[in-house]
Full PDB file with SEQRES, HELIX, SHEET, SSBOND, CRYST1, ORIGX, SCALE, CONECT and MASTER records, all heavy atoms in Angstrom:
SEQRES   1 A   31  ALA PHE LEU TYR CYS VAL ALA ASP GLY THR GLU LYS GLU          
SEQRES   2 A   31  ILE VAL ALA ARG THR ASP GLY LEU SER PRO LEU ARG GLY          
SEQRES   3 A   31  GLY ASP LYS VAL SER                                          
SHEET    1 AA1 2 PHE A   2  VAL A   6  0                                        
SHEET    2 AA1 2 GLU A  13  ARG A  17 -1                                        
CRYST1    1.000    1.000    1.000  90.00  90.00  90.00 P 1           1          
ORIGX1      1.000000  0.000000  0.000000        0.00000                         
ORIGX2      0.000000  1.000000  0.000000        0.00000                         
ORIGX3      0.000000  0.000000  1.000000        0.00000                         
SCALE1      1.000000  0.000000  0.000000        0.00000                         
SCALE2      0.000000  1.000000  0.000000        0.00000                         
SCALE3      0.000000  0.000000  1.000000        0.00000                         
ATOM      1  N   ALA A   1     -31.180   9.967   3.179  1.00  0.00           N  
ATOM      2  CA  ALA A   1     -30.348  10.756   2.267  1.00  0.00           C  
ATOM      3  C   ALA A   1     -29.805   9.831   1.192  1.00  0.00           C  
ATOM      4  O   ALA A   1     -29.604   8.629   1.427  1.00  0.00           O  
ATOM      5  CB  ALA A   1     -29.202  11.433   3.019  1.00  0.00           C  
ATOM      6  N   PHE A   2     -29.583  10.386  -0.003  1.00  0.00           N  
ATOM      7  CA  PHE A   2     -28.994   9.620  -1.098  1.00  0.00           C  
ATOM      8  C   PHE A   2     -27.639  10.228  -1.451  1.00  0.00           C  
ATOM      9  O   PHE A   2     -27.527  11.447  -1.661  1.00  0.00           O  
ATOM     10  CB  PHE A   2     -29.911   9.609  -2.317  1.00  0.00           C  
ATOM     11  CG  PHE A   2     -31.160   8.788  -2.109  1.00  0.00           C  
ATOM     12  CD1 PHE A   2     -32.363   9.385  -1.772  1.00  0.00           C  
ATOM     13  CD2 PHE A   2     -31.119   7.404  -2.221  1.00  0.00           C  
ATOM     14  CE1 PHE A   2     -33.510   8.638  -1.552  1.00  0.00           C  
ATOM     15  CE2 PHE A   2     -32.252   6.641  -2.012  1.00  0.00           C  
ATOM     16  CZ  PHE A   2     -33.450   7.250  -1.675  1.00  0.00           C  
ATOM     17  N   LEU A   3     -26.643   9.369  -1.479  1.00  0.00           N  
ATOM     18  CA  LEU A   3     -25.298   9.793  -1.837  1.00  0.00           C  
ATOM     19  C   LEU A   3     -25.068   9.499  -3.312  1.00  0.00           C  
ATOM     20  O   LEU A   3     -25.205   8.350  -3.749  1.00  0.00           O  
ATOM     21  CB  LEU A   3     -24.260   9.037  -1.008  1.00  0.00           C  
ATOM     22  CG  LEU A   3     -24.447   9.005   0.515  1.00  0.00           C  
ATOM     23  CD1 LEU A   3     -23.319   8.212   1.156  1.00  0.00           C  
ATOM     24  CD2 LEU A   3     -24.526  10.416   1.076  1.00  0.00           C  
ATOM     25  N   TYR A   4     -24.738  10.515  -4.069  1.00  0.00           N  
ATOM     26  CA  TYR A   4     -24.406  10.348  -5.485  1.00  0.00           C  
ATOM     27  C   TYR A   4     -22.875  10.330  -5.569  1.00  0.00           C  
ATOM     28  O   TYR A   4     -22.211  11.332  -5.311  1.00  0.00           O  
ATOM     29  CB  TYR A   4     -25.005  11.477  -6.321  1.00  0.00           C  
ATOM     30  CG  TYR A   4     -26.515  11.387  -6.410  1.00  0.00           C  
ATOM     31  CD1 TYR A   4     -27.321  11.818  -5.357  1.00  0.00           C  
ATOM     32  CD2 TYR A   4     -27.133  10.834  -7.525  1.00  0.00           C  
ATOM     33  CE1 TYR A   4     -28.710  11.713  -5.423  1.00  0.00           C  
ATOM     34  CE2 TYR A   4     -28.522  10.728  -7.599  1.00  0.00           C  
ATOM     35  CZ  TYR A   4     -29.296  11.171  -6.542  1.00  0.00           C  
ATOM     36  OH  TYR A   4     -30.675  11.051  -6.601  1.00  0.00           O  
ATOM     37  N   CYS A   5     -22.341   9.156  -5.893  1.00  0.00           N  
ATOM     38  CA  CYS A   5     -20.902   8.928  -5.836  1.00  0.00           C  
ATOM     39  C   CYS A   5     -20.353   8.579  -7.216  1.00  0.00           C  
ATOM     40  O   CYS A   5     -21.106   8.192  -8.114  1.00  0.00           O  
ATOM     41  CB  CYS A   5     -20.585   7.791  -4.872  1.00  0.00           C  
ATOM     42  SG  CYS A   5     -21.378   7.905  -3.258  1.00  0.00           S  
ATOM     43  N   VAL A   6     -19.041   8.681  -7.349  1.00  0.00           N  
ATOM     44  CA  VAL A   6     -18.349   8.208  -8.547  1.00  0.00           C  
ATOM     45  C   VAL A   6     -17.291   7.215  -8.094  1.00  0.00           C  
ATOM     46  O   VAL A   6     -16.459   7.529  -7.230  1.00  0.00           O  
ATOM     47  CB  VAL A   6     -17.710   9.365  -9.328  1.00  0.00           C  
ATOM     48  CG1 VAL A   6     -16.868   8.828 -10.484  1.00  0.00           C  
ATOM     49  CG2 VAL A   6     -18.777  10.308  -9.864  1.00  0.00           C  
ATOM     50  N   ALA A   7     -17.345   6.002  -8.668  1.00  0.00           N  
ATOM     51  CA  ALA A   7     -16.375   4.966  -8.299  1.00  0.00           C  
ATOM     52  C   ALA A   7     -14.978   5.380  -8.748  1.00  0.00           C  
ATOM     53  O   ALA A   7     -14.794   5.957  -9.829  1.00  0.00           O  
ATOM     54  CB  ALA A   7     -16.762   3.641  -8.931  1.00  0.00           C  
ATOM     55  N   ASP A   8     -14.002   5.110  -7.917  1.00  0.00           N  
ATOM     56  CA  ASP A   8     -12.622   5.483  -8.231  1.00  0.00           C  
ATOM     57  C   ASP A   8     -12.182   4.858  -9.549  1.00  0.00           C  
ATOM     58  O   ASP A   8     -12.438   3.673  -9.813  1.00  0.00           O  
ATOM     59  CB  ASP A   8     -11.694   5.005  -7.111  1.00  0.00           C  
ATOM     60  CG  ASP A   8     -11.884   5.790  -5.815  1.00  0.00           C  
ATOM     61  OD1 ASP A   8     -12.708   6.732  -5.812  1.00  0.00           O  
ATOM     62  OD2 ASP A   8     -11.221   5.453  -4.810  1.00  0.00           O  
ATOM     63  N   GLY A   9     -11.556   5.673 -10.393  1.00  0.00           N  
ATOM     64  CA  GLY A   9     -11.051   5.195 -11.673  1.00  0.00           C  
ATOM     65  C   GLY A   9     -12.097   5.082 -12.758  1.00  0.00           C  
ATOM     66  O   GLY A   9     -11.806   4.572 -13.836  1.00  0.00           O  
ATOM     67  N   THR A  10     -13.332   5.534 -12.489  1.00  0.00           N  
ATOM     68  CA  THR A  10     -14.410   5.472 -13.485  1.00  0.00           C  
ATOM     69  C   THR A  10     -15.144   6.812 -13.509  1.00  0.00           C  
ATOM     70  O   THR A  10     -14.876   7.714 -12.717  1.00  0.00           O  
ATOM     71  CB  THR A  10     -15.441   4.374 -13.146  1.00  0.00           C  
ATOM     72  OG1 THR A  10     -16.277   4.828 -12.069  1.00  0.00           O  
ATOM     73  CG2 THR A  10     -14.769   3.085 -12.732  1.00  0.00           C  
ATOM     74  N   GLU A  11     -16.080   6.926 -14.445  1.00  0.00           N  
ATOM     75  CA  GLU A  11     -16.975   8.077 -14.475  1.00  0.00           C  
ATOM     76  C   GLU A  11     -18.409   7.648 -14.164  1.00  0.00           C  
ATOM     77  O   GLU A  11     -19.359   8.388 -14.373  1.00  0.00           O  
ATOM     78  CB  GLU A  11     -16.930   8.746 -15.859  1.00  0.00           C  
ATOM     79  CG  GLU A  11     -15.558   9.323 -16.209  1.00  0.00           C  
ATOM     80  CD  GLU A  11     -15.539  10.009 -17.566  1.00  0.00           C  
ATOM     81  OE1 GLU A  11     -16.581   9.966 -18.269  1.00  0.00           O  
ATOM     82  OE2 GLU A  11     -14.496  10.588 -17.924  1.00  0.00           O  
ATOM     83  N   LYS A  12     -18.558   6.424 -13.639  1.00  0.00           N  
ATOM     84  CA  LYS A  12     -19.867   5.848 -13.377  1.00  0.00           C  
ATOM     85  C   LYS A  12     -20.467   6.418 -12.102  1.00  0.00           C  
ATOM     86  O   LYS A  12     -19.878   6.340 -11.030  1.00  0.00           O  
ATOM     87  CB  LYS A  12     -19.735   4.329 -13.250  1.00  0.00           C  
ATOM     88  CG  LYS A  12     -21.005   3.586 -12.867  1.00  0.00           C  
ATOM     89  CD  LYS A  12     -21.991   3.529 -13.994  1.00  0.00           C  
ATOM     90  CE  LYS A  12     -23.184   2.649 -13.657  1.00  0.00           C  
ATOM     91  NZ  LYS A  12     -24.195   2.646 -14.720  1.00  0.00           N  
ATOM     92  N   GLU A  13     -21.687   7.002 -12.225  1.00  0.00           N  
ATOM     93  CA  GLU A  13     -22.381   7.513 -11.046  1.00  0.00           C  
ATOM     94  C   GLU A  13     -23.073   6.362 -10.324  1.00  0.00           C  
ATOM     95  O   GLU A  13     -23.734   5.535 -10.942  1.00  0.00           O  
ATOM     96  CB  GLU A  13     -23.410   8.567 -11.434  1.00  0.00           C  
ATOM     97  CG  GLU A  13     -24.143   9.171 -10.231  1.00  0.00           C  
ATOM     98  CD  GLU A  13     -25.178  10.207 -10.617  1.00  0.00           C  
ATOM     99  OE1 GLU A  13     -26.289   9.814 -11.017  1.00  0.00           O  
ATOM    100  OE2 GLU A  13     -24.872  11.406 -10.522  1.00  0.00           O  
ATOM    101  N   ILE A  14     -22.931   6.318  -9.037  1.00  0.00           N  
ATOM    102  CA  ILE A  14     -23.535   5.278  -8.205  1.00  0.00           C  
ATOM    103  C   ILE A  14     -24.307   5.967  -7.089  1.00  0.00           C  
ATOM    104  O   ILE A  14     -23.808   6.915  -6.464  1.00  0.00           O  
ATOM    105  CB  ILE A  14     -22.459   4.344  -7.625  1.00  0.00           C  
ATOM    106  CG1 ILE A  14     -21.700   3.658  -8.768  1.00  0.00           C  
ATOM    107  CG2 ILE A  14     -23.085   3.311  -6.698  1.00  0.00           C  
ATOM    108  CD1 ILE A  14     -20.497   2.900  -8.320  1.00  0.00           C  
ATOM    109  N   VAL A  15     -25.518   5.499  -6.841  1.00  0.00           N  
ATOM    110  CA  VAL A  15     -26.369   6.090  -5.811  1.00  0.00           C  
ATOM    111  C   VAL A  15     -26.475   5.115  -4.643  1.00  0.00           C  
ATOM    112  O   VAL A  15     -26.736   3.922  -4.843  1.00  0.00           O  
ATOM    113  CB  VAL A  15     -27.781   6.410  -6.351  1.00  0.00           C  
ATOM    114  CG1 VAL A  15     -28.617   7.111  -5.278  1.00  0.00           C  
ATOM    115  CG2 VAL A  15     -27.689   7.273  -7.602  1.00  0.00           C  
ATOM    116  N   ALA A  16     -26.280   5.630  -3.435  1.00  0.00           N  
ATOM    117  CA  ALA A  16     -26.397   4.812  -2.229  1.00  0.00           C  
ATOM    118  C   ALA A  16     -27.270   5.536  -1.217  1.00  0.00           C  
ATOM    119  O   ALA A  16     -27.160   6.752  -1.051  1.00  0.00           O  
ATOM    120  CB  ALA A  16     -25.021   4.525  -1.630  1.00  0.00           C  
ATOM    121  N   ARG A  17     -28.136   4.793  -0.562  1.00  0.00           N  
ATOM    122  CA  ARG A  17     -29.010   5.373   0.457  1.00  0.00           C  
ATOM    123  C   ARG A  17     -28.358   5.265   1.831  1.00  0.00           C  
ATOM    124  O   ARG A  17     -27.709   4.275   2.152  1.00  0.00           O  
ATOM    125  CB  ARG A  17     -30.352   4.636   0.480  1.00  0.00           C  
ATOM    126  CG  ARG A  17     -31.331   5.158   1.515  1.00  0.00           C  
ATOM    127  CD  ARG A  17     -32.446   4.178   1.783  1.00  0.00           C  
ATOM    128  NE  ARG A  17     -33.319   4.628   2.865  1.00  0.00           N  
ATOM    129  CZ  ARG A  17     -33.047   4.466   4.153  1.00  0.00           C  
ATOM    130  NH1 ARG A  17     -31.925   3.860   4.518  1.00  0.00           N  
ATOM    131  NH2 ARG A  17     -33.877   4.904   5.084  1.00  0.00           N  
ATOM    132  N   THR A  18     -28.553   6.290   2.652  1.00  0.00           N  
ATOM    133  CA  THR A  18     -28.099   6.262   4.029  1.00  0.00           C  
ATOM    134  C   THR A  18     -29.140   6.939   4.902  1.00  0.00           C  
ATOM    135  O   THR A  18     -30.154   7.444   4.403  1.00  0.00           O  
ATOM    136  CB  THR A  18     -26.720   6.950   4.182  1.00  0.00           C  
ATOM    137  OG1 THR A  18     -26.238   6.767   5.508  1.00  0.00           O  
ATOM    138  CG2 THR A  18     -26.814   8.445   3.874  1.00  0.00           C  
ATOM    139  N   ASP A  19     -28.915   6.931   6.208  1.00  0.00           N  
ATOM    140  CA  ASP A  19     -29.865   7.579   7.114  1.00  0.00           C  
ATOM    141  C   ASP A  19     -29.901   9.077   6.880  1.00  0.00           C  
ATOM    142  O   ASP A  19     -28.928   9.676   6.393  1.00  0.00           O  
ATOM    143  CB  ASP A  19     -29.483   7.297   8.568  1.00  0.00           C  
ATOM    144  CG  ASP A  19     -29.657   5.828   8.935  1.00  0.00           C  
ATOM    145  OD1 ASP A  19     -30.469   5.160   8.270  1.00  0.00           O  
ATOM    146  OD2 ASP A  19     -28.981   5.360   9.868  1.00  0.00           O  
ATOM    147  N   GLY A  20     -31.030   9.689   7.260  1.00  0.00           N  
ATOM    148  CA  GLY A  20     -31.176  11.128   7.092  1.00  0.00           C  
ATOM    149  C   GLY A  20     -30.196  11.920   7.938  1.00  0.00           C  
ATOM    150  O   GLY A  20     -29.611  11.402   8.899  1.00  0.00           O  
ATOM    151  N   LEU A  21     -30.018  13.185   7.552  1.00  0.00           N  
ATOM    152  CA  LEU A  21     -29.096  14.102   8.241  1.00  0.00           C  
ATOM    153  C   LEU A  21     -27.680  13.523   8.275  1.00  0.00           C  
ATOM    154  O   LEU A  21     -26.991  13.519   9.297  1.00  0.00           O  
ATOM    155  CB  LEU A  21     -29.591  14.393   9.666  1.00  0.00           C  
ATOM    156  CG  LEU A  21     -31.047  14.889   9.767  1.00  0.00           C  
ATOM    157  CD1 LEU A  21     -31.443  15.125  11.212  1.00  0.00           C  
ATOM    158  CD2 LEU A  21     -31.264  16.132   8.935  1.00  0.00           C  
ATOM    159  N   SER A  22     -27.269  13.007   7.126  1.00  0.00           N  
ATOM    160  CA  SER A  22     -25.964  12.363   7.002  1.00  0.00           C  
ATOM    161  C   SER A  22     -24.835  13.378   7.189  1.00  0.00           C  
ATOM    162  O   SER A  22     -24.906  14.508   6.683  1.00  0.00           O  
ATOM    163  CB  SER A  22     -25.848  11.709   5.620  1.00  0.00           C  
ATOM    164  OG  SER A  22     -24.520  11.265   5.395  1.00  0.00           O  
ATOM    165  N   PRO A  23     -23.759  12.985   7.884  1.00  0.00           N  
ATOM    166  CA  PRO A  23     -22.613  13.891   8.035  1.00  0.00           C  
ATOM    167  C   PRO A  23     -21.742  13.959   6.785  1.00  0.00           C  
ATOM    168  O   PRO A  23     -20.865  14.811   6.676  1.00  0.00           O  
ATOM    169  CB  PRO A  23     -21.834  13.264   9.206  1.00  0.00           C  
ATOM    170  CG  PRO A  23     -22.164  11.809   9.138  1.00  0.00           C  
ATOM    171  CD  PRO A  23     -23.579  11.737   8.659  1.00  0.00           C  
ATOM    172  N   LEU A  24     -21.974  13.047   5.830  1.00  0.00           N  
ATOM    173  CA  LEU A  24     -21.152  13.011   4.621  1.00  0.00           C  
ATOM    174  C   LEU A  24     -21.431  14.214   3.724  1.00  0.00           C  
ATOM    175  O   LEU A  24     -22.557  14.705   3.643  1.00  0.00           O  
ATOM    176  CB  LEU A  24     -21.402  11.721   3.858  1.00  0.00           C  
ATOM    177  CG  LEU A  24     -20.927  10.440   4.568  1.00  0.00           C  
ATOM    178  CD1 LEU A  24     -21.478   9.208   3.872  1.00  0.00           C  
ATOM    179  CD2 LEU A  24     -19.396  10.401   4.609  1.00  0.00           C  
ATOM    180  N   ARG A  25     -20.393  14.666   3.048  1.00  0.00           N  
ATOM    181  CA  ARG A  25     -20.493  15.815   2.152  1.00  0.00           C  
ATOM    182  C   ARG A  25     -19.739  15.530   0.857  1.00  0.00           C  
ATOM    183  O   ARG A  25     -18.964  14.579   0.768  1.00  0.00           O  
ATOM    184  CB  ARG A  25     -19.903  17.076   2.824  1.00  0.00           C  
ATOM    185  CG  ARG A  25     -20.689  17.545   4.050  1.00  0.00           C  
ATOM    186  CD  ARG A  25     -22.060  18.087   3.639  1.00  0.00           C  
ATOM    187  NE  ARG A  25     -22.845  18.534   4.789  1.00  0.00           N  
ATOM    188  CZ  ARG A  25     -23.711  17.802   5.445  1.00  0.00           C  
ATOM    189  NH1 ARG A  25     -23.908  16.542   5.068  1.00  0.00           N  
ATOM    190  NH2 ARG A  25     -24.387  18.280   6.472  1.00  0.00           N  
ATOM    191  N   GLY A  26     -19.961  16.373  -0.156  1.00  0.00           N  
ATOM    192  CA  GLY A  26     -19.253  16.239  -1.412  1.00  0.00           C  
ATOM    193  C   GLY A  26     -17.752  16.247  -1.206  1.00  0.00           C  
ATOM    194  O   GLY A  26     -17.225  17.068  -0.441  1.00  0.00           O  
ATOM    195  N   GLY A  27     -17.044  15.307  -1.877  1.00  0.00           N  
ATOM    196  CA  GLY A  27     -15.600  15.195  -1.741  1.00  0.00           C  
ATOM    197  C   GLY A  27     -15.157  14.125  -0.759  1.00  0.00           C  
ATOM    198  O   GLY A  27     -13.997  13.712  -0.773  1.00  0.00           O  
ATOM    199  N   ASP A  28     -16.072  13.652   0.102  1.00  0.00           N  
ATOM    200  CA  ASP A  28     -15.724  12.610   1.060  1.00  0.00           C  
ATOM    201  C   ASP A  28     -15.475  11.281   0.348  1.00  0.00           C  
ATOM    202  O   ASP A  28     -16.119  10.962  -0.660  1.00  0.00           O  
ATOM    203  CB  ASP A  28     -16.843  12.421   2.089  1.00  0.00           C  
ATOM    204  CG  ASP A  28     -16.937  13.570   3.072  1.00  0.00           C  
ATOM    205  OD1 ASP A  28     -16.021  14.430   3.072  1.00  0.00           O  
ATOM    206  OD2 ASP A  28     -17.913  13.629   3.841  1.00  0.00           O  
ATOM    207  N   LYS A  29     -14.560  10.493   0.904  1.00  0.00           N  
ATOM    208  CA  LYS A  29     -14.254   9.164   0.378  1.00  0.00           C  
ATOM    209  C   LYS A  29     -15.061   8.126   1.153  1.00  0.00           C  
ATOM    210  O   LYS A  29     -15.138   8.170   2.382  1.00  0.00           O  
ATOM    211  CB  LYS A  29     -12.758   8.859   0.525  1.00  0.00           C  
ATOM    212  CG  LYS A  29     -11.854   9.815  -0.227  1.00  0.00           C  
ATOM    213  CD  LYS A  29     -11.977   9.635  -1.734  1.00  0.00           C  
ATOM    214  CE  LYS A  29     -10.953  10.499  -2.476  1.00  0.00           C  
ATOM    215  NZ  LYS A  29     -11.046  10.319  -3.939  1.00  0.00           N  
ATOM    216  N   VAL A  30     -15.667   7.188   0.425  1.00  0.00           N  
ATOM    217  CA  VAL A  30     -16.446   6.125   1.050  1.00  0.00           C  
ATOM    218  C   VAL A  30     -16.116   4.804   0.375  1.00  0.00           C  
ATOM    219  O   VAL A  30     -15.533   4.774  -0.714  1.00  0.00           O  
ATOM    220  CB  VAL A  30     -17.964   6.394   0.960  1.00  0.00           C  
ATOM    221  CG1 VAL A  30     -18.366   7.622   1.766  1.00  0.00           C  
ATOM    222  CG2 VAL A  30     -18.412   6.516  -0.499  1.00  0.00           C  
ATOM    223  N   SER A  31     -16.507   3.719   1.022  1.00  0.00           N  
ATOM    224  CA  SER A  31     -16.427   2.394   0.420  1.00  0.00           C  
ATOM    225  C   SER A  31     -17.819   1.779   0.477  1.00  0.00           C  
ATOM    226  O   SER A  31     -18.413   1.687   1.559  1.00  0.00           O  
ATOM    227  CB  SER A  31     -15.419   1.511   1.170  1.00  0.00           C  
ATOM    228  OG  SER A  31     -15.203   0.299   0.468  1.00  0.00           O  
TER     229      SER A  31                                                      
MASTER        0    0    0    0    2    0    0    6  228    1    0    3          
END                                                                             
């Protein structure tokens, strides 16, 4: 799965790969 994230305090889109069937959803906070 690919997570399309926005870094805090920016409008920069960042893509991160994770294992399939990820429990993460839109709105979740990650580091």
